[in-house]
Amino acid sequence: MTPTLAILLLVNAAFAVVVWPTFYRRVARDARARDAAGKATRFLSVHRVIVGIAYLIAAASTGAAIVSFY
């Protein structure tokens, strides 16, 4: 893999680490995130899965970038 692509993978991972926590905090504060009893709604659960997948992709990008440098 070329160094340019490896750097692009690292930029992707850094972007995910910067953007997704803010997104999750906004979703968690949203009125649709909890029902009247305070339990998590499907809205919050779906967004948790989305953020989790984004973190997995970021971790895979980081791993691929590190491996490609060697």
PDB file of N, CA and C in Angstrom:
ATOM      1  N   MET A   1       0.851  -1.176   0.000  1.00  0.00           N
ATOM      2  CA  MET A   1       0.000   0.000   0.000  1.00  0.00           C
ATOM      3  C   MET A   1       0.897   1.239   0.000  1.00  0.00           C
ATOM      4  N   THR A   2       0.502   2.212  -0.752  1.00  0.00           N
ATOM      5  CA  THR A   2       1.312   3.418  -0.818  1.00  0.00           C
ATOM      6  C   THR A   2       1.163   4.229   0.468  1.00  0.00           C
ATOM      7  N   PRO A   3       2.181   4.998   0.786  1.00  0.00           N
ATOM      8  CA  PRO A   3       2.103   5.830   1.999  1.00  0.00           C
ATOM      9  C   PRO A   3       0.926   6.814   1.973  1.00  0.00           C
ATOM     10  N   THR A   4       0.571   7.277   0.796  1.00  0.00           N
ATOM     11  CA  THR A   4      -0.551   8.211   0.694  1.00  0.00           C
ATOM     12  C   THR A   4      -1.852   7.559   1.154  1.00  0.00           C
ATOM     13  N   LEU A   5      -2.069   6.321   0.744  1.00  0.00           N
ATOM     14  CA  LEU A   5      -3.283   5.618   1.163  1.00  0.00           C
ATOM     15  C   LEU A   5      -3.261   5.317   2.655  1.00  0.00           C
ATOM     16  N   ALA A   6      -2.090   4.986   3.175  1.00  0.00           N
ATOM     17  CA  ALA A   6      -1.972   4.725   4.610  1.00  0.00           C
ATOM     18  C   ALA A   6      -2.285   5.987   5.412  1.00  0.00           C
ATOM     19  N   ILE A   7      -1.800   7.109   4.948  1.00  0.00           N
ATOM     20  CA  ILE A   7      -2.088   8.380   5.625  1.00  0.00           C
ATOM     21  C   ILE A   7      -3.580   8.699   5.540  1.00  0.00           C
ATOM     22  N   LEU A   8      -4.190   8.401   4.400  1.00  0.00           N
ATOM     23  CA  LEU A   8      -5.627   8.611   4.255  1.00  0.00           C
ATOM     24  C   LEU A   8      -6.412   7.751   5.250  1.00  0.00           C
ATOM     25  N   LEU A   9      -5.970   6.527   5.478  1.00  0.00           N
ATOM     26  CA  LEU A   9      -6.612   5.670   6.470  1.00  0.00           C
ATOM     27  C   LEU A   9      -6.473   6.253   7.877  1.00  0.00           C
ATOM     28  N   LEU A  10      -5.316   6.808   8.182  1.00  0.00           N
ATOM     29  CA  LEU A  10      -5.119   7.431   9.494  1.00  0.00           C
ATOM     30  C   LEU A  10      -5.982   8.679   9.659  1.00  0.00           C
ATOM     31  N   VAL A  11      -6.118   9.448   8.592  1.00  0.00           N
ATOM     32  CA  VAL A  11      -6.985  10.630   8.634  1.00  0.00           C
ATOM     33  C   VAL A  11      -8.435  10.204   8.861  1.00  0.00           C
ATOM     34  N   ASN A  12      -8.841   9.125   8.211  1.00  0.00           N
ATOM     35  CA  ASN A  12     -10.189   8.590   8.413  1.00  0.00           C
ATOM     36  C   ASN A  12     -10.406   8.213   9.872  1.00  0.00           C
ATOM     37  N   ALA A  13      -9.450   7.544  10.466  1.00  0.00           N
ATOM     38  CA  ALA A  13      -9.570   7.133  11.867  1.00  0.00           C
ATOM     39  C   ALA A  13      -9.607   8.353  12.790  1.00  0.00           C
ATOM     40  N   ALA A  14      -8.766   9.330  12.526  1.00  0.00           N
ATOM     41  CA  ALA A  14      -8.751  10.541  13.350  1.00  0.00           C
ATOM     42  C   ALA A  14     -10.081  11.289  13.239  1.00  0.00           C
ATOM     43  N   PHE A  15     -10.616  11.358  12.035  1.00  0.00           N
ATOM     44  CA  PHE A  15     -11.910  12.004  11.830  1.00  0.00           C
ATOM     45  C   PHE A  15     -12.989  11.321  12.663  1.00  0.00           C
ATOM     46  N   ALA A  16     -12.995  10.006  12.657  1.00  0.00           N
ATOM     47  CA  ALA A  16     -13.993   9.250  13.419  1.00  0.00           C
ATOM     48  C   ALA A  16     -13.867   9.519  14.911  1.00  0.00           C
ATOM     49  N   VAL A  17     -12.648   9.568  15.403  1.00  0.00           N
ATOM     50  CA  VAL A  17     -12.425   9.794  16.836  1.00  0.00           C
ATOM     51  C   VAL A  17     -12.856  11.207  17.237  1.00  0.00           C
ATOM     52  N   VAL A  18     -12.736  12.150  16.332  1.00  0.00           N
ATOM     53  CA  VAL A  18     -13.110  13.535  16.637  1.00  0.00           C
ATOM     54  C   VAL A  18     -14.619  13.751  16.510  1.00  0.00           C
ATOM     55  N   VAL A  19     -15.229  13.197  15.475  1.00  0.00           N
ATOM     56  CA  VAL A  19     -16.618  13.517  15.150  1.00  0.00           C
ATOM     57  C   VAL A  19     -17.638  12.673  15.914  1.00  0.00           C
ATOM     58  N   TRP A  20     -17.429  11.377  16.006  1.00  0.00           N
ATOM     59  CA  TRP A  20     -18.465  10.500  16.547  1.00  0.00           C
ATOM     60  C   TRP A  20     -18.781  10.714  18.028  1.00  0.00           C
ATOM     61  N   PRO A  21     -17.835  11.023  18.893  1.00  0.00           N
ATOM     62  CA  PRO A  21     -18.222  11.276  20.292  1.00  0.00           C
ATOM     63  C   PRO A  21     -19.181  12.461  20.433  1.00  0.00           C
ATOM     64  N   THR A  22     -18.939  13.511  19.673  1.00  0.00           N
ATOM     65  CA  THR A  22     -19.823  14.676  19.705  1.00  0.00           C
ATOM     66  C   THR A  22     -21.212  14.301  19.206  1.00  0.00           C
ATOM     67  N   PHE A  23     -21.250  13.536  18.134  1.00  0.00           N
ATOM     68  CA  PHE A  23     -22.531  13.076  17.595  1.00  0.00           C
ATOM     69  C   PHE A  23     -23.288  12.255  18.632  1.00  0.00           C
ATOM     70  N   TYR A  24     -22.587  11.343  19.285  1.00  0.00           N
ATOM     71  CA  TYR A  24     -23.246  10.485  20.275  1.00  0.00           C
ATOM     72  C   TYR A  24     -23.779  11.300  21.458  1.00  0.00           C
ATOM     73  N   ARG A  25     -23.010  12.278  21.913  1.00  0.00           N
ATOM     74  CA  ARG A  25     -23.487  13.118  23.018  1.00  0.00           C
ATOM     75  C   ARG A  25     -24.770  13.854  22.635  1.00  0.00           C
ATOM     76  N   ARG A  26     -24.823  14.349  21.400  1.00  0.00           N
ATOM     77  CA  ARG A  26     -26.029  15.048  20.949  1.00  0.00           C
ATOM     78  C   ARG A  26     -27.216  14.102  20.866  1.00  0.00           C
ATOM     79  N   VAL A  27     -26.982  12.895  20.381  1.00  0.00           N
ATOM     80  CA  VAL A  27     -28.063  11.908  20.292  1.00  0.00           C
ATOM     81  C   VAL A  27     -28.538  11.525  21.689  1.00  0.00           C
ATOM     82  N   ALA A  28     -27.616  11.323  22.613  1.00  0.00           N
ATOM     83  CA  ALA A  28     -27.977  10.907  23.973  1.00  0.00           C
ATOM     84  C   ALA A  28     -28.786  11.981  24.700  1.00  0.00           C
ATOM     85  N   ARG A  29     -28.552  13.248  24.382  1.00  0.00           N
ATOM     86  CA  ARG A  29     -29.305  14.337  25.018  1.00  0.00           C
ATOM     87  C   ARG A  29     -30.654  14.595  24.351  1.00  0.00           C
ATOM     88  N   ASP A  30     -30.854  14.029  23.179  1.00  0.00           N
ATOM     89  CA  ASP A  30     -32.093  14.237  22.438  1.00  0.00           C
ATOM     90  C   ASP A  30     -33.282  13.682  23.227  1.00  0.00           C
ATOM     91  N   ALA A  31     -34.412  14.341  23.125  1.00  0.00           N
ATOM     92  CA  ALA A  31     -35.613  13.908  23.847  1.00  0.00           C
ATOM     93  C   ALA A  31     -36.093  12.533  23.396  1.00  0.00           C
ATOM     94  N   ARG A  32     -35.774  12.159  22.171  1.00  0.00           N
ATOM     95  CA  ARG A  32     -36.209  10.856  21.652  1.00  0.00           C
ATOM     96  C   ARG A  32     -35.357   9.704  22.160  1.00  0.00           C
ATOM     97  N   ALA A  33     -34.264   9.995  22.858  1.00  0.00           N
ATOM     98  CA  ALA A  33     -33.338   8.955  23.302  1.00  0.00           C
ATOM     99  C   ALA A  33     -33.875   8.138  24.472  1.00  0.00           C
ATOM    100  N   ARG A  34     -34.737   8.711  25.276  1.00  0.00           N
ATOM    101  CA  ARG A  34     -35.276   8.021  26.458  1.00  0.00           C
ATOM    102  C   ARG A  34     -36.793   8.139  26.465  1.00  0.00           C
ATOM    103  N   ASP A  35     -37.441   7.100  26.980  1.00  0.00           N
ATOM    104  CA  ASP A  35     -38.896   7.170  27.114  1.00  0.00           C
ATOM    105  C   ASP A  35     -39.257   7.813  28.453  1.00  0.00           C
ATOM    106  N   ALA A  36     -40.532   7.834  28.784  1.00  0.00           N
ATOM    107  CA  ALA A  36     -40.995   8.479  30.020  1.00  0.00           C
ATOM    108  C   ALA A  36     -40.424   7.817  31.268  1.00  0.00           C
ATOM    109  N   ALA A  37     -40.117   6.533  31.186  1.00  0.00           N
ATOM    110  CA  ALA A  37     -39.556   5.805  32.333  1.00  0.00           C
ATOM    111  C   ALA A  37     -38.039   5.934  32.415  1.00  0.00           C
ATOM    112  N   GLY A  38     -37.434   6.592  31.427  1.00  0.00           N
ATOM    113  CA  GLY A  38     -35.986   6.775  31.440  1.00  0.00           C
ATOM    114  C   GLY A  38     -35.207   5.672  30.749  1.00  0.00           C
ATOM    115  N   LYS A  39     -35.919   4.726  30.141  1.00  0.00           N
ATOM    116  CA  LYS A  39     -35.249   3.633  29.441  1.00  0.00           C
ATOM    117  C   LYS A  39     -34.840   4.077  28.042  1.00  0.00           C
ATOM    118  N   ALA A  40     -33.756   3.498  27.551  1.00  0.00           N
ATOM    119  CA  ALA A  40     -33.277   3.821  26.209  1.00  0.00           C
ATOM    120  C   ALA A  40     -34.296   3.372  25.164  1.00  0.00           C
ATOM    121  N   THR A  41     -34.527   4.236  24.181  1.00  0.00           N
ATOM    122  CA  THR A  41     -35.453   3.912  23.099  1.00  0.00           C
ATOM    123  C   THR A  41     -34.689   3.298  21.934  1.00  0.00           C
ATOM    124  N   ARG A  42     -35.443   2.867  20.938  1.00  0.00           N
ATOM    125  CA  ARG A  42     -34.826   2.314  19.732  1.00  0.00           C
ATOM    126  C   ARG A  42     -33.952   3.369  19.046  1.00  0.00           C
ATOM    127  N   PHE A  43     -34.369   4.613  19.115  1.00  0.00           N
ATOM    128  CA  PHE A  43     -33.598   5.723  18.544  1.00  0.00           C
ATOM    129  C   PHE A  43     -32.174   5.727  19.099  1.00  0.00           C
ATOM    130  N   LEU A  44     -32.040   5.628  20.404  1.00  0.00           N
ATOM    131  CA  LEU A  44     -30.720   5.628  21.027  1.00  0.00           C
ATOM    132  C   LEU A  44     -29.968   4.343  20.712  1.00  0.00           C
ATOM    133  N   SER A  45     -30.655   3.223  20.748  1.00  0.00           N
ATOM    134  CA  SER A  45     -30.004   1.936  20.486  1.00  0.00           C
ATOM    135  C   SER A  45     -29.432   1.868  19.074  1.00  0.00           C
ATOM    136  N   VAL A  46     -30.194   2.324  18.103  1.00  0.00           N
ATOM    137  CA  VAL A  46     -29.727   2.315  16.712  1.00  0.00           C
ATOM    138  C   VAL A  46     -28.501   3.201  16.559  1.00  0.00           C
ATOM    139  N   HIS A  47     -28.526   4.366  17.185  1.00  0.00           N
ATOM    140  CA  HIS A  47     -27.388   5.269  17.066  1.00  0.00           C
ATOM    141  C   HIS A  47     -26.163   4.737  17.808  1.00  0.00           C
ATOM    142  N   ARG A  48     -26.365   4.002  18.881  1.00  0.00           N
ATOM    143  CA  ARG A  48     -25.233   3.353  19.552  1.00  0.00           C
ATOM    144  C   ARG A  48     -24.566   2.357  18.614  1.00  0.00           C
ATOM    145  N   VAL A  49     -25.370   1.601  17.883  1.00  0.00           N
ATOM    146  CA  VAL A  49     -24.825   0.630  16.928  1.00  0.00           C
ATOM    147  C   VAL A  49     -24.060   1.350  15.819  1.00  0.00           C
ATOM    148  N   ILE A  50     -24.615   2.432  15.316  1.00  0.00           N
ATOM    149  CA  ILE A  50     -23.951   3.194  14.258  1.00  0.00           C
ATOM    150  C   ILE A  50     -22.596   3.706  14.732  1.00  0.00           C
ATOM    151  N   VAL A  51     -22.551   4.266  15.922  1.00  0.00           N
ATOM    152  CA  VAL A  51     -21.289   4.778  16.468  1.00  0.00           C
ATOM    153  C   VAL A  51     -20.311   3.630  16.699  1.00  0.00           C
ATOM    154  N   GLY A  52     -20.791   2.509  17.191  1.00  0.00           N
ATOM    155  CA  GLY A  52     -19.928   1.348  17.399  1.00  0.00           C
ATOM    156  C   GLY A  52     -19.318   0.846  16.106  1.00  0.00           C
ATOM    157  N   ILE A  53     -20.112   0.784  15.051  1.00  0.00           N
ATOM    158  CA  ILE A  53     -19.594   0.358  13.750  1.00  0.00           C
ATOM    159  C   ILE A  53     -18.571   1.360  13.233  1.00  0.00           C
ATOM    160  N   ALA A  54     -18.836   2.637  13.431  1.00  0.00           N
ATOM    161  CA  ALA A  54     -17.875   3.660  12.999  1.00  0.00           C
ATOM    162  C   ALA A  54     -16.544   3.494  13.723  1.00  0.00           C
ATOM    163  N   TYR A  55     -16.597   3.166  15.022  1.00  0.00           N
ATOM    164  CA  TYR A  55     -15.356   2.935  15.770  1.00  0.00           C
ATOM    165  C   TYR A  55     -14.636   1.679  15.292  1.00  0.00           C
ATOM    166  N   LEU A  56     -15.378   0.644  14.940  1.00  0.00           N
ATOM    167  CA  LEU A  56     -14.743  -0.565  14.400  1.00  0.00           C
ATOM    168  C   LEU A  56     -14.039  -0.273  13.078  1.00  0.00           C
ATOM    169  N   ILE A  57     -14.685   0.506  12.225  1.00  0.00           N
ATOM    170  CA  ILE A  57     -14.066   0.886  10.957  1.00  0.00           C
ATOM    171  C   ILE A  57     -12.829   1.739  11.208  1.00  0.00           C
ATOM    172  N   ALA A  58     -12.898   2.640  12.181  1.00  0.00           N
ATOM    173  CA  ALA A  58     -11.734   3.469  12.519  1.00  0.00           C
ATOM    174  C   ALA A  58     -10.587   2.608  13.028  1.00  0.00           C
ATOM    175  N   ALA A  59     -10.900   1.616  13.851  1.00  0.00           N
ATOM    176  CA  ALA A  59      -9.854   0.724  14.361  1.00  0.00           C
ATOM    177  C   ALA A  59      -9.245  -0.097  13.229  1.00  0.00           C
ATOM    178  N   ALA A  60     -10.085  -0.581  12.322  1.00  0.00           N
ATOM    179  CA  ALA A  60      -9.577  -1.343  11.177  1.00  0.00           C
ATOM    180  C   ALA A  60      -8.717  -0.459  10.280  1.00  0.00           C
ATOM    181  N   SER A  61      -9.125   0.780  10.088  1.00  0.00           N
ATOM    182  CA  SER A  61      -8.337   1.720   9.281  1.00  0.00           C
ATOM    183  C   SER A  61      -6.978   1.973   9.914  1.00  0.00           C
ATOM    184  N   THR A  62      -6.981   2.161  11.225  1.00  0.00           N
ATOM    185  CA  THR A  62      -5.719   2.384  11.932  1.00  0.00           C
ATOM    186  C   THR A  62      -4.818   1.167  11.819  1.00  0.00           C
ATOM    187  N   GLY A  63      -5.380  -0.002  12.036  1.00  0.00           N
ATOM    188  CA  GLY A  63      -4.594  -1.232  11.931  1.00  0.00           C
ATOM    189  C   GLY A  63      -4.022  -1.430  10.544  1.00  0.00           C
ATOM    190  N   ALA A  64      -4.836  -1.207   9.522  1.00  0.00           N
ATOM    191  CA  ALA A  64      -4.359  -1.364   8.147  1.00  0.00           C
ATOM    192  C   ALA A  64      -3.263  -0.356   7.826  1.00  0.00           C
ATOM    193  N   ALA A  65      -3.417   0.862   8.309  1.00  0.00           N
ATOM    194  CA  ALA A  65      -2.400   1.885   8.051  1.00  0.00           C
ATOM    195  C   ALA A  65      -1.083   1.531   8.727  1.00  0.00           C
ATOM    196  N   ILE A  66      -1.149   1.078   9.964  1.00  0.00           N
ATOM    197  CA  ILE A  66       0.073   0.721  10.690  1.00  0.00           C
ATOM    198  C   ILE A  66       0.765  -0.459  10.029  1.00  0.00           C
ATOM    199  N   VAL A  67      -0.007  -1.472   9.659  1.00  0.00           N
ATOM    200  CA  VAL A  67       0.574  -2.652   9.008  1.00  0.00           C
ATOM    201  C   VAL A  67       1.201  -2.275   7.671  1.00  0.00           C
ATOM    202  N   SER A  68       0.600  -1.348   6.955  1.00  0.00           N
ATOM    203  CA  SER A  68       1.118  -0.993   5.631  1.00  0.00           C
ATOM    204  C   SER A  68       2.445  -0.249   5.688  1.00  0.00           C
ATOM    205  N   PHE A  69       2.773   0.333   6.823  1.00  0.00           N
ATOM    206  CA  PHE A  69       4.051   1.031   6.934  1.00  0.00           C
ATOM    207  C   PHE A  69       5.220   0.062   7.083  1.00  0.00           C
ATOM    208  N   TYR A  70       4.941  -1.219   7.359  1.00  0.00           N
ATOM    209  CA  TYR A  70       6.010  -2.199   7.562  1.00  0.00           C
ATOM    210  C   TYR A  70       6.124  -3.161   6.431  1.00  0.00           C
TER     211      TYR A  70
END
